[in-house]
Amino acid sequence: MMNKKLIVFTLFVFLYFNSLAQGGDDFIRSTGKIYAVVAVILVLFLGIVFYLVRLDNKIKKLENNQDE
């Protein structure tokens, strides 16, 4: 269930950023800064995903301890 939500969320994020990048990315590409922008977005996205997975695991562990 969570994997499907994550896949759909990722798809929407990439489509959103793709639609934003259609217009004014000539300046960023010409200066070579597009790679820095993509790297920052990727690091932020992976950090959020990592945080959410850890949080989900901690919540499951607390729920299991509460049931016992």
C-alpha atoms as a PDB file:
ATOM      1  CA  MET A   1       0.000   0.000   0.000  1.00  0.00           C
ATOM      2  CA  MET A   2       2.751   2.435   0.940  1.00  0.00           C
ATOM      3  CA  ASN A   3       4.792   1.474  -2.121  1.00  0.00           C
ATOM      4  CA  LYS A   4       1.904   2.379  -4.427  1.00  0.00           C
ATOM      5  CA  LYS A   5       1.486   5.737  -2.728  1.00  0.00           C
ATOM      6  CA  LEU A   6       5.218   6.366  -2.962  1.00  0.00           C
ATOM      7  CA  ILE A   7       5.281   5.502  -6.658  1.00  0.00           C
ATOM      8  CA  VAL A   8       2.303   7.748  -7.405  1.00  0.00           C
ATOM      9  CA  PHE A   9       3.806  10.584  -5.351  1.00  0.00           C
ATOM     10  CA  THR A  10       7.143  10.234  -7.132  1.00  0.00           C
ATOM     11  CA  LEU A  11       5.430  10.273 -10.504  1.00  0.00           C
ATOM     12  CA  PHE A  12       3.525  13.453  -9.670  1.00  0.00           C
ATOM     13  CA  VAL A  13       6.667  15.142  -8.340  1.00  0.00           C
ATOM     14  CA  PHE A  14       8.630  14.343 -11.490  1.00  0.00           C
ATOM     15  CA  LEU A  15       5.759  15.468 -13.718  1.00  0.00           C
ATOM     16  CA  TYR A  16       5.467  18.705 -11.743  1.00  0.00           C
ATOM     17  CA  PHE A  17       9.166  19.488 -11.976  1.00  0.00           C
ATOM     18  CA  ASN A  18       9.150  18.541 -15.643  1.00  0.00           C
ATOM     19  CA  SER A  19       6.365  21.041 -16.320  1.00  0.00           C
ATOM     20  CA  LEU A  20       8.283  23.753 -14.430  1.00  0.00           C
ATOM     21  CA  ALA A  21      11.463  23.061 -16.353  1.00  0.00           C
ATOM     22  CA  GLN A  22       9.899  23.639 -19.762  1.00  0.00           C
ATOM     23  CA  GLY A  23      10.201  27.417 -19.790  1.00  0.00           C
ATOM     24  CA  GLY A  24      13.183  29.049 -18.156  1.00  0.00           C
ATOM     25  CA  ASP A  25      15.828  26.395 -17.953  1.00  0.00           C
ATOM     26  CA  ASP A  26      17.922  27.726 -20.861  1.00  0.00           C
ATOM     27  CA  PHE A  27      19.851  30.063 -18.572  1.00  0.00           C
ATOM     28  CA  ILE A  28      20.415  27.353 -15.979  1.00  0.00           C
ATOM     29  CA  ARG A  29      21.520  24.858 -18.613  1.00  0.00           C
ATOM     30  CA  SER A  30      23.840  27.339 -20.287  1.00  0.00           C
ATOM     31  CA  THR A  31      25.641  28.040 -17.012  1.00  0.00           C
ATOM     32  CA  GLY A  32      25.777  24.363 -16.029  1.00  0.00           C
ATOM     33  CA  LYS A  33      23.910  24.867 -12.763  1.00  0.00           C
ATOM     34  CA  ILE A  34      21.094  22.504 -13.668  1.00  0.00           C
ATOM     35  CA  TYR A  35      23.096  19.608 -12.239  1.00  0.00           C
ATOM     36  CA  ALA A  36      23.427  21.362  -8.901  1.00  0.00           C
ATOM     37  CA  VAL A  37      19.689  22.040  -8.824  1.00  0.00           C
ATOM     38  CA  VAL A  38      18.858  18.431  -9.668  1.00  0.00           C
ATOM     39  CA  ALA A  39      21.320  17.169  -7.056  1.00  0.00           C
ATOM     40  CA  VAL A  40      19.801  19.346  -4.317  1.00  0.00           C
ATOM     41  CA  ILE A  41      16.263  18.261  -5.206  1.00  0.00           C
ATOM     42  CA  LEU A  42      17.344  14.621  -5.263  1.00  0.00           C
ATOM     43  CA  VAL A  43      19.074  14.859  -1.878  1.00  0.00           C
ATOM     44  CA  LEU A  44      16.033  16.545  -0.328  1.00  0.00           C
ATOM     45  CA  PHE A  45      13.661  13.970  -1.791  1.00  0.00           C
ATOM     46  CA  LEU A  46      15.780  11.025  -0.650  1.00  0.00           C
ATOM     47  CA  GLY A  47      16.135  12.557   2.813  1.00  0.00           C
ATOM     48  CA  ILE A  48      12.378  12.934   3.161  1.00  0.00           C
ATOM     49  CA  VAL A  49      11.776   9.383   1.955  1.00  0.00           C
ATOM     50  CA  PHE A  50      14.402   8.026   4.364  1.00  0.00           C
ATOM     51  CA  TYR A  51      12.844   9.965   7.245  1.00  0.00           C
ATOM     52  CA  LEU A  52       9.339   8.712   6.444  1.00  0.00           C
ATOM     53  CA  VAL A  53      10.477   5.090   6.196  1.00  0.00           C
ATOM     54  CA  ARG A  54      12.249   5.317   9.562  1.00  0.00           C
ATOM     55  CA  LEU A  55       9.217   6.991  11.122  1.00  0.00           C
ATOM     56  CA  ASP A  56       6.947   4.285   9.752  1.00  0.00           C
ATOM     57  CA  ASN A  57       9.191   1.565  11.186  1.00  0.00           C
ATOM     58  CA  LYS A  58       9.235   3.236  14.599  1.00  0.00           C
ATOM     59  CA  ILE A  59       5.439   3.557  14.603  1.00  0.00           C
ATOM     60  CA  LYS A  60       5.027  -0.113  13.671  1.00  0.00           C
ATOM     61  CA  LYS A  61       7.406  -1.088  16.469  1.00  0.00           C
ATOM     62  CA  LEU A  62       5.431   0.989  19.006  1.00  0.00           C
ATOM     63  CA  GLU A  63       2.151  -0.520  17.789  1.00  0.00           C
ATOM     64  CA  ASN A  64       3.542  -4.038  18.138  1.00  0.00           C
ATOM     65  CA  ASN A  65       4.792  -3.303  21.669  1.00  0.00           C
ATOM     66  CA  GLN A  66       1.417  -1.857  22.619  1.00  0.00           C
ATOM     67  CA  ASP A  67      -0.407  -4.990  21.420  1.00  0.00           C
ATOM     68  CA  GLU A  68       1.767  -7.217  23.610  1.00  0.00           C
END
